[in-house]
């Protein structure tokens, strides 16, 4: 049986397994004279890597024919140098079942080497030095604390007249009234923060509510449809009107100088009919016209800025989308820019035609 798997020490069951941290020694018999032999303890080591510490030795009665050994490097070999009778007696001694006539093995040096002797004199001297050093430090700390306390008391006694004079001067300046120390108000505890409804929904695994249409009659399509029926919705203004309102609101913000791309107003409105760069935007959807002026108080020949152009494009896109939603309607977009040139964008159904004057 190999040394693995490892078995606990049980001499009664025939399991003789022991591990050693220090070196293990076996006995070599040599003839000292014709009448007696000498047992010489010899250190056991690995025949492959020569390791002599951390060895494991094992033997299973009735299974193994020779003592099995294993070193920390993992080398396993059969060990013939250790007699099985010596090994069995040593294992019984370690298990507390040894006989009196087997104790000669321990006396001869068989088994694990004993730990190194303790130098009690050195240990006692070191402990005494440590205790003396600790007591010395504690005494110094007590002396320092007393000196610090005495200094603090002396400073307080010396500053008492000065403090009395300062209090008297303060009382005289305040009209003979002793100053009243302001008491600090205790901080009120902050109320606990109430989590939002979304946090409760997330904690309970509930989905967020979906936003429905603004008009429940036509579902924001602008028309009521059915089997053979397609009439304009009378409950809402429709997507085209909503887009026109948004475009008009953006144009009003730009005119008032509050929207994106607006500039501070300094002078009056430019003359639209002249030869100057007016920057006028006309959006016509279903015979409804919205005029947006992006430039005020500017000289001739100045093109639109990037922000003003973005505002104009947003308004035109919104009007074009609104025109496409309402089928069969025609819309035109007139942009008067540099040199008073006119760009006309006519949308009819899904088709768009652009002309430049």
Protein backbone atom coordinates (compact mmCIF):
# COMPACT_ATOMS: atom_id res chain seq x y z
CA UNK A 1 0.00 0.00 0.00
CA UNK A 2 1.51 3.40 -0.93
CA UNK A 3 1.94 6.20 1.61
CA UNK A 4 -0.96 8.05 0.03
CA UNK A 5 -3.69 8.36 1.11
CA UNK A 6 -2.48 9.36 4.54
CA UNK A 7 -3.83 7.39 7.51
CA UNK A 8 -4.01 8.34 11.20
CA UNK A 9 -1.73 6.61 13.71
CA UNK A 10 -3.50 3.49 15.04
CA UNK A 11 -1.15 0.65 16.10
CA UNK A 12 -4.10 -1.61 16.99
CA UNK A 13 -5.40 -1.39 13.39
CA UNK A 14 -1.94 -1.75 11.87
CA UNK A 15 -1.77 1.89 10.63
CA UNK A 16 1.70 3.17 11.48
CA UNK A 17 1.90 6.66 9.93
CA UNK A 18 3.93 9.54 11.41
CA UNK A 19 5.12 12.93 10.13
CA UNK A 20 8.24 14.70 11.42
CA UNK A 21 9.20 18.38 11.33
CA UNK A 22 12.75 17.85 12.55
CA UNK A 23 15.24 15.25 11.34
CA UNK A 24 14.50 11.54 11.87
CA UNK A 25 17.26 9.16 13.02
CA UNK A 26 17.51 5.40 12.71
CA UNK A 27 20.02 3.05 14.38
CA UNK A 28 23.00 1.46 12.66
CA UNK A 29 24.55 -1.46 14.53
CA UNK A 30 28.34 -1.68 14.62
CA UNK A 31 30.50 -4.20 16.49
CA UNK A 32 32.52 -2.39 19.14
CA UNK A 33 34.07 -5.58 20.45
CA UNK A 34 33.51 -9.30 20.44
CA UNK A 35 31.11 -9.07 23.36
CA UNK A 36 28.91 -6.03 22.60
CA UNK A 37 27.50 -3.94 19.72
CA UNK A 38 27.15 -0.17 19.47
CA UNK A 39 23.98 1.50 18.10
CA UNK A 40 24.89 4.64 16.14
CA UNK A 41 21.97 7.04 15.37
CA UNK A 42 22.04 8.06 11.69
CA UNK A 43 19.93 10.80 10.05
CA UNK A 44 17.45 9.60 7.41
CA UNK A 45 17.33 11.64 4.19
CA UNK A 46 15.74 11.48 0.74
CA UNK A 47 17.86 9.51 -1.73
CA UNK A 48 16.83 11.85 -4.56
CA UNK A 49 17.00 15.39 -3.14
CA UNK A 50 18.76 14.70 0.21
CA UNK A 51 15.99 16.39 2.22
CA UNK A 52 16.16 15.40 5.89
CA UNK A 53 13.36 17.52 7.45
CA UNK A 54 9.61 17.35 6.94
CA UNK A 55 9.65 13.61 6.14
CA UNK A 56 6.62 11.33 6.32
CA UNK A 57 6.91 7.64 7.11
CA UNK A 58 4.10 5.10 6.87
CA UNK A 59 3.50 1.37 7.06
CA UNK A 60 0.28 -0.67 6.88
CA UNK A 61 0.49 -4.02 8.61
CA UNK A 62 -0.44 -6.92 6.35
CA UNK A 63 -0.28 -4.77 3.20
CA UNK A 64 3.17 -3.19 2.92
CA UNK A 65 6.34 -5.26 2.84
CA UNK A 66 8.63 -2.32 3.56
CA UNK A 67 8.45 1.08 5.21
CA UNK A 68 7.22 3.81 2.83
CA UNK A 69 8.69 7.35 2.95
CA UNK A 70 7.88 10.70 1.34
CA UNK A 71 9.85 13.97 1.37
CA UNK A 72 8.46 17.54 1.12
CA UNK A 73 9.39 17.63 -2.59
CA UNK A 74 6.95 14.76 -3.27
CA UNK A 75 9.50 11.97 -3.77
CA UNK A 76 8.19 8.57 -2.55
CA UNK A 77 10.43 5.58 -1.96
CA UNK A 78 10.64 2.33 -0.02
CA UNK A 79 12.98 2.70 2.96
CA UNK A 80 14.92 -0.52 3.84
CA UNK A 81 17.28 1.18 6.30
CA UNK A 82 14.68 1.43 9.07
CA UNK A 83 13.86 -1.97 10.65
CA UNK A 84 10.13 -2.64 10.87
CA UNK A 85 10.43 -3.91 14.47
CA UNK A 86 12.02 -0.63 15.54
CA UNK A 87 9.39 1.36 13.66
CA UNK A 88 6.48 -0.54 15.19
CA UNK A 89 7.88 -0.15 18.73
CA UNK A 90 8.47 3.57 18.18
CA UNK A 91 4.88 4.09 16.88
CA UNK A 92 3.46 2.32 19.95
CA UNK A 93 5.55 4.57 22.22
CA UNK A 94 4.21 7.66 20.40
CA UNK A 95 0.65 6.34 20.77
CA UNK A 96 1.16 5.75 24.50
CA UNK A 97 1.13 1.95 24.21
CA UNK A 98 4.86 1.32 24.43
CA UNK A 99 6.34 -1.39 26.63
CA UNK A 100 9.14 -0.88 29.13
CA UNK A 101 11.57 -3.08 27.23
CA UNK A 102 11.20 -0.86 24.12
CA UNK A 103 12.31 2.39 25.76
CA UNK A 104 15.94 1.60 24.94
CA UNK A 105 15.22 2.81 21.38
CA UNK A 106 14.58 6.35 22.63
CA UNK A 107 17.66 6.22 24.82
CA UNK A 108 19.77 5.04 21.87
CA UNK A 109 18.60 8.00 19.74
CA UNK A 110 15.97 6.36 17.49
CA UNK A 111 13.20 8.65 16.24
CA UNK A 112 12.80 12.39 15.78
CA UNK A 113 15.56 14.62 17.07
CA UNK A 114 14.66 16.48 20.28
CA UNK A 115 14.14 20.26 20.07
CA UNK A 116 17.18 22.43 20.77
CA UNK A 117 17.80 23.20 24.43
CA UNK A 118 16.43 26.41 25.86
CA UNK A 119 18.92 28.94 27.17
CA UNK A 120 17.03 29.86 30.34
CA UNK A 121 19.68 32.31 31.45
CA UNK A 122 19.37 34.30 28.22
CA UNK A 123 15.57 34.20 28.38
CA UNK A 124 15.49 35.36 31.99
CA UNK A 125 17.93 38.20 31.31
CA UNK A 126 15.93 39.35 28.29
CA UNK A 127 12.65 39.26 30.21
CA UNK A 128 14.17 41.24 33.07
CA UNK A 129 15.44 43.89 30.66
CA UNK A 130 12.05 44.19 28.99
CA UNK A 131 10.27 44.58 32.35
CA UNK A 132 12.78 47.20 33.52
CA UNK A 133 12.42 49.17 30.29
CA UNK A 134 8.62 49.09 30.54
CA UNK A 135 8.71 50.29 34.18
CA UNK A 136 11.13 53.08 33.28
CA UNK A 137 8.89 54.32 30.46
CA UNK A 138 5.83 54.27 32.72
CA UNK A 139 7.67 56.28 35.39
CA UNK A 140 8.80 58.86 32.81
CA UNK A 141 5.24 59.17 31.52
CA UNK A 142 3.92 59.84 35.03
CA UNK A 143 6.59 62.51 35.61
CA UNK A 144 5.83 64.19 32.29
CA UNK A 145 2.10 64.22 33.07
CA UNK A 146 2.69 65.84 36.46
CA UNK A 147 5.02 68.47 34.95
CA UNK A 148 2.50 69.24 32.21
CA UNK A 149 -0.30 69.63 34.77
CA UNK A 150 1.85 71.91 36.96
CA UNK A 151 2.74 74.14 33.97
CA UNK A 152 -0.89 74.41 32.99
CA UNK A 153 -1.91 75.40 36.53
CA UNK A 154 0.87 78.01 36.71
CA UNK A 155 -0.21 79.59 33.41
CA UNK A 156 -3.84 79.77 34.58
CA UNK A 157 -2.80 81.44 37.85
CA UNK A 158 -0.64 83.95 36.00
CA UNK A 159 -3.41 84.83 33.51
CA UNK A 160 -6.15 85.32 36.12
CA UNK A 161 -5.42 89.08 36.65
CA UNK A 162 -5.25 89.64 32.90
CA UNK A 163 -8.57 87.87 32.35
CA UNK A 164 -10.16 89.89 35.19
CA UNK A 165 -8.96 93.15 33.62
CA UNK A 166 -10.31 92.19 30.21
CA UNK A 167 -13.72 91.30 31.73
CA UNK A 168 -13.81 94.64 33.59
CA UNK A 169 -12.96 96.61 30.44
CA UNK A 170 -15.61 94.75 28.49
CA UNK A 171 -18.23 95.40 31.20
CA UNK A 172 -17.32 99.11 31.32
CA UNK A 173 -17.58 99.40 27.53
CA UNK A 174 -20.96 97.64 27.57
CA UNK A 175 -22.34 100.05 30.18
CA UNK A 176 -21.67 98.15 33.35
CA UNK A 177 -23.39 94.99 32.20
CA UNK A 178 -21.55 91.74 32.25
CA UNK A 179 -21.39 90.18 28.81
CA UNK A 180 -23.73 87.28 28.36
CA UNK A 181 -22.35 84.27 26.67
CA UNK A 182 -24.38 83.14 23.74
CA UNK A 183 -25.58 79.62 24.07
CA UNK A 184 -25.27 77.49 21.07
CA UNK A 185 -28.50 76.19 19.75
CA UNK A 186 -28.75 72.51 19.39
CA UNK A 187 -28.87 71.43 15.82
CA UNK A 188 -32.19 70.09 14.81
CA UNK A 189 -32.00 66.64 13.35
CA UNK A 190 -32.59 66.53 9.65
CA UNK A 191 -35.83 64.85 8.65
CA UNK A 192 -35.40 61.55 6.87
CA UNK A 193 -35.47 61.79 3.11
CA UNK A 194 -38.51 60.21 1.53
CA UNK A 195 -37.48 58.16 -1.49
CA UNK A 196 -39.30 58.86 -4.77
CA UNK A 197 -42.02 56.63 -6.15
CA UNK A 198 -39.61 55.29 -8.76
CA UNK A 199 -37.45 53.86 -5.95
CA UNK A 200 -40.42 52.00 -4.50
CA UNK A 201 -41.31 50.66 -7.95
CA UNK A 202 -37.73 49.51 -8.49
CA UNK A 203 -37.61 47.85 -5.05
CA UNK A 204 -40.81 45.91 -5.72
CA UNK A 205 -39.81 45.06 -9.29
CA UNK A 206 -42.63 47.09 -10.88
CA UNK A 207 -42.29 48.53 -14.38
CA UNK A 208 -42.42 52.29 -14.86
CA UNK A 209 -45.80 53.56 -16.08
CA UNK A 210 -45.92 54.17 -19.81
CA UNK A 211 -46.90 57.63 -21.01
CA UNK A 212 -50.10 57.45 -23.06
CA UNK A 213 -51.25 59.74 -25.87
CA UNK A 214 -52.41 63.27 -25.12
CA UNK A 215 -55.67 62.79 -27.05
CA UNK A 216 -57.52 59.59 -26.25
CA UNK A 217 -59.95 60.00 -29.17
CA UNK A 218 -57.49 59.98 -32.09
CA UNK A 219 -54.38 58.87 -30.17
CA UNK A 220 -52.45 61.94 -31.40
CA UNK A 221 -53.03 61.04 -35.09
CA UNK A 222 -55.29 64.04 -35.84
CA UNK A 223 -58.02 61.94 -37.49
CA UNK A 224 -60.74 59.58 -36.30
CA UNK A 225 -60.60 56.48 -38.47
CA UNK A 226 -62.82 53.42 -38.69
CA UNK A 227 -64.45 51.13 -41.19
CA UNK A 228 -64.99 53.52 -44.11
CA UNK A 229 -64.65 56.56 -41.85
CA UNK A 230 -61.80 59.10 -41.78
CA UNK A 231 -62.71 62.51 -40.36
CA UNK A 232 -60.60 65.18 -38.60
CA UNK A 233 -60.52 64.95 -34.82
CA UNK A 234 -62.64 67.58 -33.06
CA UNK A 235 -61.19 66.98 -29.57
CA UNK A 236 -57.61 68.13 -30.31
CA UNK A 237 -55.83 70.46 -32.70
CA UNK A 238 -53.84 67.66 -34.35
CA UNK A 239 -50.10 67.11 -34.73
CA UNK A 240 -49.75 69.83 -37.38
CA UNK A 241 -51.18 72.47 -35.09
CA UNK A 242 -49.01 71.26 -32.20
CA UNK A 243 -45.89 71.46 -34.39
CA UNK A 244 -46.91 74.95 -35.57
CA UNK A 245 -47.39 76.09 -31.98
CA UNK A 246 -43.95 74.75 -31.02
CA UNK A 247 -42.35 76.47 -34.03
CA UNK A 248 -44.12 79.75 -33.26
CA UNK A 249 -43.02 79.50 -29.61
CA UNK A 250 -39.38 78.96 -30.67
CA UNK A 251 -39.56 81.90 -33.09
CA UNK A 252 -41.05 84.11 -30.37
CA UNK A 253 -38.24 83.17 -27.97
CA UNK A 254 -35.65 84.00 -30.64
CA UNK A 255 -37.34 87.35 -31.33
CA UNK A 256 -37.47 88.22 -27.62
CA UNK A 257 -33.83 87.17 -27.08
CA UNK A 258 -34.66 84.29 -24.72
CA UNK A 259 -34.19 81.22 -26.90
CA UNK A 260 -31.06 79.34 -28.03
CA UNK A 261 -28.95 81.44 -30.40
CA UNK A 262 -30.60 84.74 -29.40
CA UNK A 263 -28.50 87.86 -29.03
CA UNK A 264 -29.05 90.89 -26.76
CA UNK A 265 -31.36 93.47 -28.35
CA UNK A 266 -29.73 96.82 -28.99
CA UNK A 267 -31.66 98.60 -31.77
CA UNK A 268 -34.96 98.41 -33.66
CA UNK A 269 -36.11 95.94 -36.30
CA UNK A 270 -34.26 95.86 -39.62
CA UNK A 271 -35.98 97.08 -42.76
CA UNK A 272 -37.23 93.92 -44.46
CA UNK A 273 -37.87 95.55 -47.85
CA UNK A 274 -34.37 97.04 -48.18
CA UNK A 275 -31.22 95.48 -49.56
CA UNK A 276 -29.87 94.61 -46.15
CA UNK A 277 -29.41 91.14 -44.66
CA UNK A 278 -32.73 90.83 -42.84
CA UNK A 279 -32.60 87.19 -41.55
CA UNK A 280 -36.40 86.63 -41.86
CA UNK A 281 -37.91 83.12 -41.71
CA UNK A 282 -41.42 82.52 -43.06
CA UNK A 283 -43.07 79.14 -42.36
CA UNK A 284 -46.38 78.55 -44.20
CA UNK A 285 -48.42 75.42 -43.37
CA UNK A 286 -52.08 75.13 -44.43
CA UNK A 287 -52.26 78.85 -45.28
CA UNK A 288 -50.89 79.76 -41.82
CA UNK A 289 -47.77 81.91 -41.74
CA UNK A 290 -45.17 82.25 -38.98
CA UNK A 291 -42.43 84.88 -39.31
CA UNK A 292 -39.23 84.51 -37.32
CA UNK A 293 -36.55 87.22 -37.30
CA UNK A 294 -33.15 85.95 -36.17
CA UNK A 295 -31.20 89.20 -36.54
CA UNK A 296 -32.01 92.59 -34.97
CA UNK A 297 -29.94 95.70 -34.97
CA UNK A 298 -27.33 94.28 -37.35
CA UNK A 299 -25.67 95.83 -40.35
CA UNK A 300 -25.97 94.75 -43.95
CA UNK A 301 -24.09 91.73 -45.25
CA UNK A 302 -23.92 89.73 -41.94
CA UNK A 303 -24.86 86.02 -42.35
CA UNK A 304 -26.69 84.05 -39.68
CA UNK A 305 -24.66 82.64 -36.80
CA UNK A 306 -24.48 78.91 -36.10
CA UNK A 307 -26.99 79.12 -33.23
CA UNK A 308 -29.42 81.24 -35.30
CA UNK A 309 -29.18 78.79 -38.20
CA UNK A 310 -29.88 75.90 -35.83
CA UNK A 311 -33.01 77.66 -34.52
CA UNK A 312 -34.22 78.25 -38.09
CA UNK A 313 -33.58 74.61 -39.08
CA UNK A 314 -35.54 73.36 -36.05
CA UNK A 315 -38.54 75.49 -36.97
CA UNK A 316 -38.44 74.40 -40.62
CA UNK A 317 -38.11 70.71 -39.72
CA UNK A 318 -41.03 70.90 -37.31
CA UNK A 319 -43.24 72.57 -39.93
CA UNK A 320 -42.22 70.05 -42.61
CA UNK A 321 -43.01 67.09 -40.33
CA UNK A 322 -46.35 68.59 -39.49
CA UNK A 323 -47.13 69.01 -43.17
CA UNK A 324 -46.28 65.37 -43.90
CA UNK A 325 -48.56 64.09 -41.14
CA UNK A 326 -51.60 65.75 -42.67
CA UNK A 327 -52.01 64.04 -46.04
CA UNK A 328 -52.79 66.04 -49.15
CA UNK A 329 -51.79 69.43 -47.77
CA UNK A 330 -49.27 71.77 -49.35
CA UNK A 331 -46.82 73.86 -47.33
CA UNK A 332 -44.09 76.29 -48.21
CA UNK A 333 -41.04 77.50 -46.28
CA UNK A 334 -39.55 80.87 -47.29
CA UNK A 335 -36.12 81.79 -45.89
CA UNK A 336 -34.79 85.27 -46.66
CA UNK A 337 -31.05 85.23 -45.89
CA UNK A 338 -27.93 86.73 -47.37
CA UNK A 339 -28.59 89.18 -50.31
CA UNK A 340 -32.35 88.66 -49.71
CA UNK A 341 -32.31 85.34 -51.61
CA UNK A 342 -35.45 83.19 -51.09
CA UNK A 343 -35.43 79.41 -50.68
CA UNK A 344 -38.88 77.88 -51.14
CA UNK A 345 -39.47 74.34 -49.78
CA UNK A 346 -42.86 72.97 -50.90
CA UNK A 347 -44.08 69.70 -49.33
CA UNK A 348 -46.98 67.80 -50.90
CA UNK A 349 -47.77 64.51 -49.18
CA UNK A 350 -44.48 62.57 -49.01
CA UNK A 351 -42.75 64.63 -51.75
CA UNK A 352 -40.66 67.77 -51.11
CA UNK A 353 -39.60 70.31 -53.76
CA UNK A 354 -37.00 73.03 -53.12
CA UNK A 355 -36.54 76.13 -55.30
CA UNK A 356 -34.04 79.01 -54.95
CA UNK A 357 -34.88 82.47 -56.27
